[in-house]
mmCIF file of all heavy atoms, coordinates in Angstrom:
data_MODEL
# 
_entry.id   MODEL 
# 
loop_
_atom_site.group_PDB 
_atom_site.id 
_atom_site.type_symbol 
_atom_site.label_atom_id 
_atom_site.label_alt_id 
_atom_site.label_comp_id 
_atom_site.label_asym_id 
_atom_site.label_entity_id 
_atom_site.label_seq_id 
_atom_site.pdbx_PDB_ins_code 
_atom_site.Cartn_x 
_atom_site.Cartn_y 
_atom_site.Cartn_z 
_atom_site.occupancy 
_atom_site.B_iso_or_equiv 
_atom_site.pdbx_formal_charge 
_atom_site.auth_seq_id 
_atom_site.auth_comp_id 
_atom_site.auth_asym_id 
_atom_site.auth_atom_id 
_atom_site.pdbx_PDB_model_num 
ATOM 1   N N   . GLY A 1 1  ? 7.839  45.810 -24.936 1.00 0.00 ? 1  GLY A N   1 
ATOM 2   C CA  . GLY A 1 1  ? 7.159  44.577 -25.259 1.00 0.00 ? 1  GLY A CA  1 
ATOM 3   C C   . GLY A 1 1  ? 7.156  43.636 -24.073 1.00 0.00 ? 1  GLY A C   1 
ATOM 4   O O   . GLY A 1 1  ? 6.856  44.041 -22.951 1.00 0.00 ? 1  GLY A O   1 
ATOM 5   N N   . SER A 1 2  ? 7.518  42.393 -24.308 1.00 0.00 ? 2  SER A N   1 
ATOM 6   C CA  . SER A 1 2  ? 7.494  41.366 -23.268 1.00 0.00 ? 2  SER A CA  1 
ATOM 7   C C   . SER A 1 2  ? 8.769  41.408 -22.438 1.00 0.00 ? 2  SER A C   1 
ATOM 8   O O   . SER A 1 2  ? 9.550  40.454 -22.390 1.00 0.00 ? 2  SER A O   1 
ATOM 9   C CB  . SER A 1 2  ? 7.300  39.987 -23.896 1.00 0.00 ? 2  SER A CB  1 
ATOM 10  O OG  . SER A 1 2  ? 6.098  39.924 -24.642 1.00 0.00 ? 2  SER A OG  1 
ATOM 11  N N   . VAL A 1 3  ? 8.975  42.516 -21.762 1.00 0.00 ? 3  VAL A N   1 
ATOM 12  C CA  . VAL A 1 3  ? 10.229 42.704 -21.035 1.00 0.00 ? 3  VAL A CA  1 
ATOM 13  C C   . VAL A 1 3  ? 10.363 41.728 -19.873 1.00 0.00 ? 3  VAL A C   1 
ATOM 14  O O   . VAL A 1 3  ? 11.483 41.417 -19.461 1.00 0.00 ? 3  VAL A O   1 
ATOM 15  C CB  . VAL A 1 3  ? 10.368 44.158 -20.544 1.00 0.00 ? 3  VAL A CB  1 
ATOM 16  C CG1 . VAL A 1 3  ? 10.483 45.107 -21.723 1.00 0.00 ? 3  VAL A CG1 1 
ATOM 17  C CG2 . VAL A 1 3  ? 9.192  44.548 -19.667 1.00 0.00 ? 3  VAL A CG2 1 
ATOM 18  N N   . SER A 1 4  ? 9.247  41.237 -19.339 1.00 0.00 ? 4  SER A N   1 
ATOM 19  C CA  . SER A 1 4  ? 9.319  40.292 -18.231 1.00 0.00 ? 4  SER A CA  1 
ATOM 20  C C   . SER A 1 4  ? 9.911  38.960 -18.646 1.00 0.00 ? 4  SER A C   1 
ATOM 21  O O   . SER A 1 4  ? 10.316 38.175 -17.785 1.00 0.00 ? 4  SER A O   1 
ATOM 22  C CB  . SER A 1 4  ? 7.934  40.076 -17.624 1.00 0.00 ? 4  SER A CB  1 
ATOM 23  O OG  . SER A 1 4  ? 7.048  39.485 -18.556 1.00 0.00 ? 4  SER A OG  1 
ATOM 24  N N   . ARG A 1 5  ? 9.968  38.708 -19.919 1.00 0.00 ? 5  ARG A N   1 
ATOM 25  C CA  . ARG A 1 5  ? 10.522 37.459 -20.426 1.00 0.00 ? 5  ARG A CA  1 
ATOM 26  C C   . ARG A 1 5  ? 12.011 37.535 -20.725 1.00 0.00 ? 5  ARG A C   1 
ATOM 27  O O   . ARG A 1 5  ? 12.616 36.529 -21.095 1.00 0.00 ? 5  ARG A O   1 
ATOM 28  C CB  . ARG A 1 5  ? 9.773  37.026 -21.692 1.00 0.00 ? 5  ARG A CB  1 
ATOM 29  C CG  . ARG A 1 5  ? 8.312  36.653 -21.451 1.00 0.00 ? 5  ARG A CG  1 
ATOM 30  C CD  . ARG A 1 5  ? 7.653  36.175 -22.730 1.00 0.00 ? 5  ARG A CD  1 
ATOM 31  N NE  . ARG A 1 5  ? 6.320  35.639 -22.492 1.00 0.00 ? 5  ARG A NE  1 
ATOM 32  C CZ  . ARG A 1 5  ? 5.542  35.144 -23.438 1.00 0.00 ? 5  ARG A CZ  1 
ATOM 33  N NH1 . ARG A 1 5  ? 5.967  35.119 -24.699 1.00 0.00 ? 5  ARG A NH1 1 
ATOM 34  N NH2 . ARG A 1 5  ? 4.339  34.673 -23.138 1.00 0.00 ? 5  ARG A NH2 1 
ATOM 35  N N   . ILE A 1 6  ? 12.595 38.700 -20.581 1.00 0.00 ? 6  ILE A N   1 
ATOM 36  C CA  . ILE A 1 6  ? 14.010 38.862 -20.875 1.00 0.00 ? 6  ILE A CA  1 
ATOM 37  C C   . ILE A 1 6  ? 14.846 38.213 -19.776 1.00 0.00 ? 6  ILE A C   1 
ATOM 38  O O   . ILE A 1 6  ? 14.636 38.457 -18.593 1.00 0.00 ? 6  ILE A O   1 
ATOM 39  C CB  . ILE A 1 6  ? 14.375 40.348 -21.022 1.00 0.00 ? 6  ILE A CB  1 
ATOM 40  C CG1 . ILE A 1 6  ? 13.670 40.945 -22.233 1.00 0.00 ? 6  ILE A CG1 1 
ATOM 41  C CG2 . ILE A 1 6  ? 15.889 40.517 -21.148 1.00 0.00 ? 6  ILE A CG2 1 
ATOM 42  C CD1 . ILE A 1 6  ? 13.875 42.438 -22.384 1.00 0.00 ? 6  ILE A CD1 1 
ATOM 43  N N   . ASN A 1 7  ? 15.797 37.401 -20.178 1.00 0.00 ? 7  ASN A N   1 
ATOM 44  C CA  . ASN A 1 7  ? 16.693 36.727 -19.244 1.00 0.00 ? 7  ASN A CA  1 
ATOM 45  C C   . ASN A 1 7  ? 18.075 37.369 -19.184 1.00 0.00 ? 7  ASN A C   1 
ATOM 46  O O   . ASN A 1 7  ? 18.749 37.288 -18.154 1.00 0.00 ? 7  ASN A O   1 
ATOM 47  C CB  . ASN A 1 7  ? 16.838 35.257 -19.627 1.00 0.00 ? 7  ASN A CB  1 
ATOM 48  C CG  . ASN A 1 7  ? 15.524 34.523 -19.595 1.00 0.00 ? 7  ASN A CG  1 
ATOM 49  O OD1 . ASN A 1 7  ? 14.774 34.614 -18.627 1.00 0.00 ? 7  ASN A OD1 1 
ATOM 50  N ND2 . ASN A 1 7  ? 15.233 33.783 -20.661 1.00 0.00 ? 7  ASN A ND2 1 
ATOM 51  N N   . ALA A 1 8  ? 18.484 37.976 -20.268 1.00 0.00 ? 8  ALA A N   1 
ATOM 52  C CA  . ALA A 1 8  ? 19.782 38.618 -20.309 1.00 0.00 ? 8  ALA A CA  1 
ATOM 53  C C   . ALA A 1 8  ? 19.791 39.633 -21.442 1.00 0.00 ? 8  ALA A C   1 
ATOM 54  O O   . ALA A 1 8  ? 19.034 39.509 -22.405 1.00 0.00 ? 8  ALA A O   1 
ATOM 55  C CB  . ALA A 1 8  ? 20.907 37.599 -20.509 1.00 0.00 ? 8  ALA A CB  1 
ATOM 56  N N   . MET A 1 9  ? 20.636 40.614 -21.325 1.00 0.00 ? 9  MET A N   1 
ATOM 57  C CA  . MET A 1 9  ? 20.821 41.595 -22.376 1.00 0.00 ? 9  MET A CA  1 
ATOM 58  C C   . MET A 1 9  ? 22.306 41.828 -22.568 1.00 0.00 ? 9  MET A C   1 
ATOM 59  O O   . MET A 1 9  ? 23.116 41.527 -21.689 1.00 0.00 ? 9  MET A O   1 
ATOM 60  C CB  . MET A 1 9  ? 20.108 42.913 -22.050 1.00 0.00 ? 9  MET A CB  1 
ATOM 61  C CG  . MET A 1 9  ? 18.602 42.778 -21.945 1.00 0.00 ? 9  MET A CG  1 
ATOM 62  S SD  . MET A 1 9  ? 17.747 44.361 -21.681 1.00 0.00 ? 9  MET A SD  1 
ATOM 63  C CE  . MET A 1 9  ? 18.032 45.158 -23.274 1.00 0.00 ? 9  MET A CE  1 
ATOM 64  N N   . GLY A 1 10 ? 22.649 42.343 -23.721 1.00 0.00 ? 10 GLY A N   1 
ATOM 65  C CA  . GLY A 1 10 ? 24.050 42.574 -23.991 1.00 0.00 ? 10 GLY A CA  1 
ATOM 66  C C   . GLY A 1 10 ? 24.267 43.428 -25.214 1.00 0.00 ? 10 GLY A C   1 
ATOM 67  O O   . GLY A 1 10 ? 23.321 43.969 -25.803 1.00 0.00 ? 10 GLY A O   1 
ATOM 68  N N   . TRP A 1 11 ? 25.522 43.546 -25.557 1.00 0.00 ? 11 TRP A N   1 
ATOM 69  C CA  . TRP A 1 11 ? 25.948 44.328 -26.702 1.00 0.00 ? 11 TRP A CA  1 
ATOM 70  C C   . TRP A 1 11 ? 26.886 43.507 -27.567 1.00 0.00 ? 11 TRP A C   1 
ATOM 71  O O   . TRP A 1 11 ? 27.780 42.817 -27.056 1.00 0.00 ? 11 TRP A O   1 
ATOM 72  C CB  . TRP A 1 11 ? 26.668 45.609 -26.260 1.00 0.00 ? 11 TRP A CB  1 
ATOM 73  C CG  . TRP A 1 11 ? 25.785 46.575 -25.540 1.00 0.00 ? 11 TRP A CG  1 
ATOM 74  C CD1 . TRP A 1 11 ? 25.544 46.634 -24.205 1.00 0.00 ? 11 TRP A CD1 1 
ATOM 75  C CD2 . TRP A 1 11 ? 25.026 47.628 -26.138 1.00 0.00 ? 11 TRP A CD2 1 
ATOM 76  N NE1 . TRP A 1 11 ? 24.677 47.665 -23.923 1.00 0.00 ? 11 TRP A NE1 1 
ATOM 77  C CE2 . TRP A 1 11 ? 24.340 48.290 -25.093 1.00 0.00 ? 11 TRP A CE2 1 
ATOM 78  C CE3 . TRP A 1 11 ? 24.853 48.071 -27.449 1.00 0.00 ? 11 TRP A CE3 1 
ATOM 79  C CZ2 . TRP A 1 11 ? 23.499 49.379 -25.320 1.00 0.00 ? 11 TRP A CZ2 1 
ATOM 80  C CZ3 . TRP A 1 11 ? 24.017 49.146 -27.677 1.00 0.00 ? 11 TRP A CZ3 1 
ATOM 81  C CH2 . TRP A 1 11 ? 23.357 49.785 -26.617 1.00 0.00 ? 11 TRP A CH2 1 
ATOM 82  N N   . TYR A 1 12 ? 26.662 43.571 -28.857 1.00 0.00 ? 12 TYR A N   1 
ATOM 83  C CA  . TYR A 1 12 ? 27.559 43.020 -29.859 1.00 0.00 ? 12 TYR A CA  1 
ATOM 84  C C   . TYR A 1 12 ? 28.093 44.161 -30.707 1.00 0.00 ? 12 TYR A C   1 
ATOM 85  O O   . TYR A 1 12 ? 27.530 45.263 -30.717 1.00 0.00 ? 12 TYR A O   1 
ATOM 86  C CB  . TYR A 1 12 ? 26.832 42.029 -30.773 1.00 0.00 ? 12 TYR A CB  1 
ATOM 87  C CG  . TYR A 1 12 ? 26.628 40.637 -30.210 1.00 0.00 ? 12 TYR A CG  1 
ATOM 88  C CD1 . TYR A 1 12 ? 25.812 40.412 -29.113 1.00 0.00 ? 12 TYR A CD1 1 
ATOM 89  C CD2 . TYR A 1 12 ? 27.240 39.537 -30.811 1.00 0.00 ? 12 TYR A CD2 1 
ATOM 90  C CE1 . TYR A 1 12 ? 25.619 39.137 -28.611 1.00 0.00 ? 12 TYR A CE1 1 
ATOM 91  C CE2 . TYR A 1 12 ? 27.049 38.256 -30.326 1.00 0.00 ? 12 TYR A CE2 1 
ATOM 92  C CZ  . TYR A 1 12 ? 26.238 38.060 -29.225 1.00 0.00 ? 12 TYR A CZ  1 
ATOM 93  O OH  . TYR A 1 12 ? 26.046 36.775 -28.743 1.00 0.00 ? 12 TYR A OH  1 
ATOM 94  N N   . ARG A 1 13 ? 29.157 43.873 -31.430 1.00 0.00 ? 13 ARG A N   1 
ATOM 95  C CA  . ARG A 1 13 ? 29.640 44.844 -32.404 1.00 0.00 ? 13 ARG A CA  1 
ATOM 96  C C   . ARG A 1 13 ? 30.137 44.106 -33.640 1.00 0.00 ? 13 ARG A C   1 
ATOM 97  O O   . ARG A 1 13 ? 30.529 42.943 -33.577 1.00 0.00 ? 13 ARG A O   1 
ATOM 98  C CB  . ARG A 1 13 ? 30.730 45.737 -31.826 1.00 0.00 ? 13 ARG A CB  1 
ATOM 99  C CG  . ARG A 1 13 ? 32.043 45.030 -31.502 1.00 0.00 ? 13 ARG A CG  1 
ATOM 100 C CD  . ARG A 1 13 ? 32.997 46.009 -30.818 1.00 0.00 ? 13 ARG A CD  1 
ATOM 101 N NE  . ARG A 1 13 ? 34.283 45.404 -30.514 1.00 0.00 ? 13 ARG A NE  1 
ATOM 102 C CZ  . ARG A 1 13 ? 35.235 45.992 -29.802 1.00 0.00 ? 13 ARG A CZ  1 
ATOM 103 N NH1 . ARG A 1 13 ? 35.042 47.224 -29.322 1.00 0.00 ? 13 ARG A NH1 1 
ATOM 104 N NH2 . ARG A 1 13 ? 36.388 45.361 -29.575 1.00 0.00 ? 13 ARG A NH2 1 
ATOM 105 N N   . GLN A 1 14 ? 30.122 44.808 -34.746 1.00 0.00 ? 14 GLN A N   1 
ATOM 106 C CA  . GLN A 1 14 ? 30.537 44.225 -36.005 1.00 0.00 ? 14 GLN A CA  1 
ATOM 107 C C   . GLN A 1 14 ? 31.315 45.255 -36.807 1.00 0.00 ? 14 GLN A C   1 
ATOM 108 O O   . GLN A 1 14 ? 30.873 46.392 -36.978 1.00 0.00 ? 14 GLN A O   1 
ATOM 109 C CB  . GLN A 1 14 ? 29.333 43.732 -36.806 1.00 0.00 ? 14 GLN A CB  1 
ATOM 110 C CG  . GLN A 1 14 ? 29.694 42.929 -38.042 1.00 0.00 ? 14 GLN A CG  1 
ATOM 111 C CD  . GLN A 1 14 ? 28.493 42.215 -38.626 1.00 0.00 ? 14 GLN A CD  1 
ATOM 112 O OE1 . GLN A 1 14 ? 27.352 42.648 -38.447 1.00 0.00 ? 14 GLN A OE1 1 
ATOM 113 N NE2 . GLN A 1 14 ? 28.730 41.114 -39.315 1.00 0.00 ? 14 GLN A NE2 1 
ATOM 114 N N   . VAL A 1 15 ? 32.469 44.836 -37.292 1.00 0.00 ? 15 VAL A N   1 
ATOM 115 C CA  . VAL A 1 15 ? 33.310 45.685 -38.131 1.00 0.00 ? 15 VAL A CA  1 
ATOM 116 C C   . VAL A 1 15 ? 33.408 45.038 -39.505 1.00 0.00 ? 15 VAL A C   1 
ATOM 117 O O   . VAL A 1 15 ? 33.199 43.832 -39.659 1.00 0.00 ? 15 VAL A O   1 
ATOM 118 C CB  . VAL A 1 15 ? 34.707 45.885 -37.514 1.00 0.00 ? 15 VAL A CB  1 
ATOM 119 C CG1 . VAL A 1 15 ? 34.593 46.536 -36.143 1.00 0.00 ? 15 VAL A CG1 1 
ATOM 120 C CG2 . VAL A 1 15 ? 35.448 44.562 -37.400 1.00 0.00 ? 15 VAL A CG2 1 
ATOM 121 N N   . PRO A 1 16 ? 33.741 45.808 -40.531 1.00 0.00 ? 16 PRO A N   1 
ATOM 122 C CA  . PRO A 1 16 ? 33.826 45.240 -41.875 1.00 0.00 ? 16 PRO A CA  1 
ATOM 123 C C   . PRO A 1 16 ? 34.795 44.068 -41.949 1.00 0.00 ? 16 PRO A C   1 
ATOM 124 O O   . PRO A 1 16 ? 35.907 44.135 -41.425 1.00 0.00 ? 16 PRO A O   1 
ATOM 125 C CB  . PRO A 1 16 ? 34.309 46.413 -42.722 1.00 0.00 ? 16 PRO A CB  1 
ATOM 126 C CG  . PRO A 1 16 ? 33.830 47.622 -41.992 1.00 0.00 ? 16 PRO A CG  1 
ATOM 127 C CD  . PRO A 1 16 ? 33.953 47.265 -40.535 1.00 0.00 ? 16 PRO A CD  1 
ATOM 128 N N   . GLY A 1 17 ? 34.357 42.998 -42.601 1.00 0.00 ? 17 GLY A N   1 
ATOM 129 C CA  . GLY A 1 17 ? 35.199 41.833 -42.800 1.00 0.00 ? 17 GLY A CA  1 
ATOM 130 C C   . GLY A 1 17 ? 35.309 40.907 -41.612 1.00 0.00 ? 17 GLY A C   1 
ATOM 131 O O   . GLY A 1 17 ? 36.088 39.947 -41.669 1.00 0.00 ? 17 GLY A O   1 
ATOM 132 N N   . GLU A 1 18 ? 34.572 41.170 -40.560 1.00 0.00 ? 18 GLU A N   1 
ATOM 133 C CA  . GLU A 1 18 ? 34.660 40.340 -39.376 1.00 0.00 ? 18 GLU A CA  1 
ATOM 134 C C   . GLU A 1 18 ? 33.275 39.884 -38.934 1.00 0.00 ? 18 GLU A C   1 
ATOM 135 O O   . GLU A 1 18 ? 32.257 40.451 -39.320 1.00 0.00 ? 18 GLU A O   1 
ATOM 136 C CB  . GLU A 1 18 ? 35.345 41.095 -38.234 1.00 0.00 ? 18 GLU A CB  1 
ATOM 137 C CG  . GLU A 1 18 ? 36.776 41.498 -38.523 1.00 0.00 ? 18 GLU A CG  1 
ATOM 138 C CD  . GLU A 1 18 ? 37.446 42.134 -37.324 1.00 0.00 ? 18 GLU A CD  1 
ATOM 139 O OE1 . GLU A 1 18 ? 36.875 42.090 -36.221 1.00 0.00 ? 18 GLU A OE1 1 
ATOM 140 O OE2 . GLU A 1 18 ? 38.553 42.677 -37.496 1.00 0.00 ? 18 GLU A OE2 1 
ATOM 141 N N   . GLN A 1 19 ? 33.275 38.837 -38.124 1.00 0.00 ? 19 GLN A N   1 
ATOM 142 C CA  . GLN A 1 19 ? 32.037 38.340 -37.542 1.00 0.00 ? 19 GLN A CA  1 
ATOM 143 C C   . GLN A 1 19 ? 31.535 39.299 -36.471 1.00 0.00 ? 19 GLN A C   1 
ATOM 144 O O   . GLN A 1 19 ? 32.314 40.013 -35.844 1.00 0.00 ? 19 GLN A O   1 
ATOM 145 C CB  . GLN A 1 19 ? 32.259 36.960 -36.924 1.00 0.00 ? 19 GLN A CB  1 
ATOM 146 C CG  . GLN A 1 19 ? 32.510 35.846 -37.914 1.00 0.00 ? 19 GLN A CG  1 
ATOM 147 C CD  . GLN A 1 19 ? 31.230 35.283 -38.455 1.00 0.00 ? 19 GLN A CD  1 
ATOM 148 O OE1 . GLN A 1 19 ? 30.732 35.737 -39.489 1.00 0.00 ? 19 GLN A OE1 1 
ATOM 149 N NE2 . GLN A 1 19 ? 30.665 34.296 -37.771 1.00 0.00 ? 19 GLN A NE2 1 
ATOM 150 N N   . ARG A 1 20 ? 30.246 39.275 -36.268 1.00 0.00 ? 20 ARG A N   1 
ATOM 151 C CA  . ARG A 1 20 ? 29.688 40.005 -35.150 1.00 0.00 ? 20 ARG A CA  1 
ATOM 152 C C   . ARG A 1 20 ? 30.146 39.338 -33.860 1.00 0.00 ? 20 ARG A C   1 
ATOM 153 O O   . ARG A 1 20 ? 30.051 38.112 -33.718 1.00 0.00 ? 20 ARG A O   1 
ATOM 154 C CB  . ARG A 1 20 ? 28.159 40.027 -35.235 1.00 0.00 ? 20 ARG A CB  1 
ATOM 155 C CG  . ARG A 1 20 ? 27.497 40.899 -34.195 1.00 0.00 ? 20 ARG A CG  1 
ATOM 156 C CD  . ARG A 1 20 ? 25.990 40.968 -34.403 1.00 0.00 ? 20 ARG A CD  1 
ATOM 157 N NE  . ARG A 1 20 ? 25.646 41.566 -35.687 1.00 0.00 ? 20 ARG A NE  1 
ATOM 158 C CZ  . ARG A 1 20 ? 24.399 41.854 -36.056 1.00 0.00 ? 20 ARG A CZ  1 
ATOM 159 N NH1 . ARG A 1 20 ? 23.387 41.609 -35.229 1.00 0.00 ? 20 ARG A NH1 1 
ATOM 160 N NH2 . ARG A 1 20 ? 24.169 42.386 -37.247 1.00 0.00 ? 20 ARG A NH2 1 
ATOM 161 N N   . GLU A 1 21 ? 30.649 40.118 -32.931 1.00 0.00 ? 21 GLU A N   1 
ATOM 162 C CA  . GLU A 1 21 ? 31.194 39.568 -31.708 1.00 0.00 ? 21 GLU A CA  1 
ATOM 163 C C   . GLU A 1 21 ? 30.495 40.136 -30.486 1.00 0.00 ? 21 GLU A C   1 
ATOM 164 O O   . GLU A 1 21 ? 30.057 41.291 -30.479 1.00 0.00 ? 21 GLU A O   1 
ATOM 165 C CB  . GLU A 1 21 ? 32.702 39.839 -31.607 1.00 0.00 ? 21 GLU A CB  1 
ATOM 166 C CG  . GLU A 1 21 ? 33.067 41.298 -31.457 1.00 0.00 ? 21 GLU A CG  1 
ATOM 167 C CD  . GLU A 1 21 ? 34.530 41.521 -31.118 1.00 0.00 ? 21 GLU A CD  1 
ATOM 168 O OE1 . GLU A 1 21 ? 35.211 40.550 -30.737 1.00 0.00 ? 21 GLU A OE1 1 
ATOM 169 O OE2 . GLU A 1 21 ? 34.993 42.675 -31.235 1.00 0.00 ? 21 GLU A OE2 1 
ATOM 170 N N   . SER A 1 22 ? 30.421 39.311 -29.472 1.00 0.00 ? 22 SER A N   1 
ATOM 171 C CA  . SER A 1 22 ? 29.855 39.741 -28.208 1.00 0.00 ? 22 SER A CA  1 
ATOM 172 C C   . SER A 1 22 ? 30.835 40.653 -27.491 1.00 0.00 ? 22 SER A C   1 
ATOM 173 O O   . SER A 1 22 ? 32.020 40.332 -27.361 1.00 0.00 ? 22 SER A O   1 
ATOM 174 C CB  . SER A 1 22 ? 29.523 38.532 -27.335 1.00 0.00 ? 22 SER A CB  1 
ATOM 175 O OG  . SER A 1 22 ? 29.023 38.941 -26.075 1.00 0.00 ? 22 SER A OG  1 
ATOM 176 N N   . VAL A 1 23 ? 30.335 41.772 -27.026 1.00 0.00 ? 23 VAL A N   1 
ATOM 177 C CA  . VAL A 1 23 ? 31.141 42.739 -26.299 1.00 0.00 ? 23 VAL A CA  1 
ATOM 178 C C   . VAL A 1 23 ? 30.902 42.638 -24.800 1.00 0.00 ? 23 VAL A C   1 
ATOM 179 O O   . VAL A 1 23 ? 31.843 42.624 -24.004 1.00 0.00 ? 23 VAL A O   1 
ATOM 180 C CB  . VAL A 1 23 ? 30.857 44.171 -26.791 1.00 0.00 ? 23 VAL A CB  1 
ATOM 181 C CG1 . VAL A 1 23 ? 31.608 45.197 -25.952 1.00 0.00 ? 23 VAL A CG1 1 
ATOM 182 C CG2 . VAL A 1 23 ? 31.228 44.305 -28.263 1.00 0.00 ? 23 VAL A CG2 1 
ATOM 183 N N   . ALA A 1 24 ? 29.647 42.592 -24.411 1.00 0.00 ? 24 ALA A N   1 
ATOM 184 C CA  . ALA A 1 24 ? 29.291 42.548 -23.001 1.00 0.00 ? 24 ALA A CA  1 
ATOM 185 C C   . ALA A 1 24 ? 27.911 41.934 -22.849 1.00 0.00 ? 24 ALA A C   1 
ATOM 186 O O   . ALA A 1 24 ? 27.072 42.029 -23.744 1.00 0.00 ? 24 ALA A O   1 
ATOM 187 C CB  . ALA A 1 24 ? 29.323 43.948 -22.380 1.00 0.00 ? 24 ALA A CB  1 
ATOM 188 N N   . ARG A 1 25 ? 27.679 41.337 -21.705 1.00 0.00 ? 25 ARG A N   1 
ATOM 189 C CA  . ARG A 1 25 ? 26.406 40.686 -21.419 1.00 0.00 ? 25 ARG A CA  1 
ATOM 190 C C   . ARG A 1 25 ? 26.106 40.816 -19.938 1.00 0.00 ? 25 ARG A C   1 
ATOM 191 O O   . ARG A 1 25 ? 27.008 40.737 -19.113 1.00 0.00 ? 25 ARG A O   1 
ATOM 192 C CB  . ARG A 1 25 ? 26.464 39.211 -21.825 1.00 0.00 ? 25 ARG A CB  1 
ATOM 193 C CG  . ARG A 1 25 ? 25.207 38.390 -21.574 1.00 0.00 ? 25 ARG A CG  1 
ATOM 194 C CD  . ARG A 1 25 ? 25.409 36.977 -22.098 1.00 0.00 ? 25 ARG A CD  1 
ATOM 195 N NE  . ARG A 1 25 ? 24.219 36.128 -21.948 1.00 0.00 ? 25 ARG A NE  1 
ATOM 196 C CZ  . ARG A 1 25 ? 24.008 35.307 -20.924 1.00 0.00 ? 25 ARG A CZ  1 
ATOM 197 N NH1 . ARG A 1 25 ? 24.900 35.221 -19.938 1.00 0.00 ? 25 ARG A NH1 1 
ATOM 198 N NH2 . ARG A 1 25 ? 22.905 34.574 -20.885 1.00 0.00 ? 25 ARG A NH2 1 
ATOM 199 N N   . ILE A 1 26 ? 24.841 40.996 -19.627 1.00 0.00 ? 26 ILE A N   1 
ATOM 200 C CA  . ILE A 1 26 ? 24.419 41.046 -18.240 1.00 0.00 ? 26 ILE A CA  1 
ATOM 201 C C   . ILE A 1 26 ? 23.146 40.236 -18.091 1.00 0.00 ? 26 ILE A C   1 
ATOM 202 O O   . ILE A 1 26 ? 22.213 40.362 -18.876 1.00 0.00 ? 26 ILE A O   1 
ATOM 203 C CB  . ILE A 1 26 ? 24.235 42.505 -17.755 1.00 0.00 ? 26 ILE A CB  1 
ATOM 204 C CG1 . ILE A 1 26 ? 23.914 42.537 -16.258 1.00 0.00 ? 26 ILE A CG1 1 
ATOM 205 C CG2 . ILE A 1 26 ? 23.176 43.235 -18.564 1.00 0.00 ? 26 ILE A CG2 1 
ATOM 206 C CD1 . ILE A 1 26 ? 24.020 43.932 -15.655 1.00 0.00 ? 26 ILE A CD1 1 
# 
């Protein structure tokens, strides 16, 4: 899609009973 508009990408993870958390970002 509009990949030229992307400023950053990353990974989140979510486990049962917990908030989704940021793992890594670039």
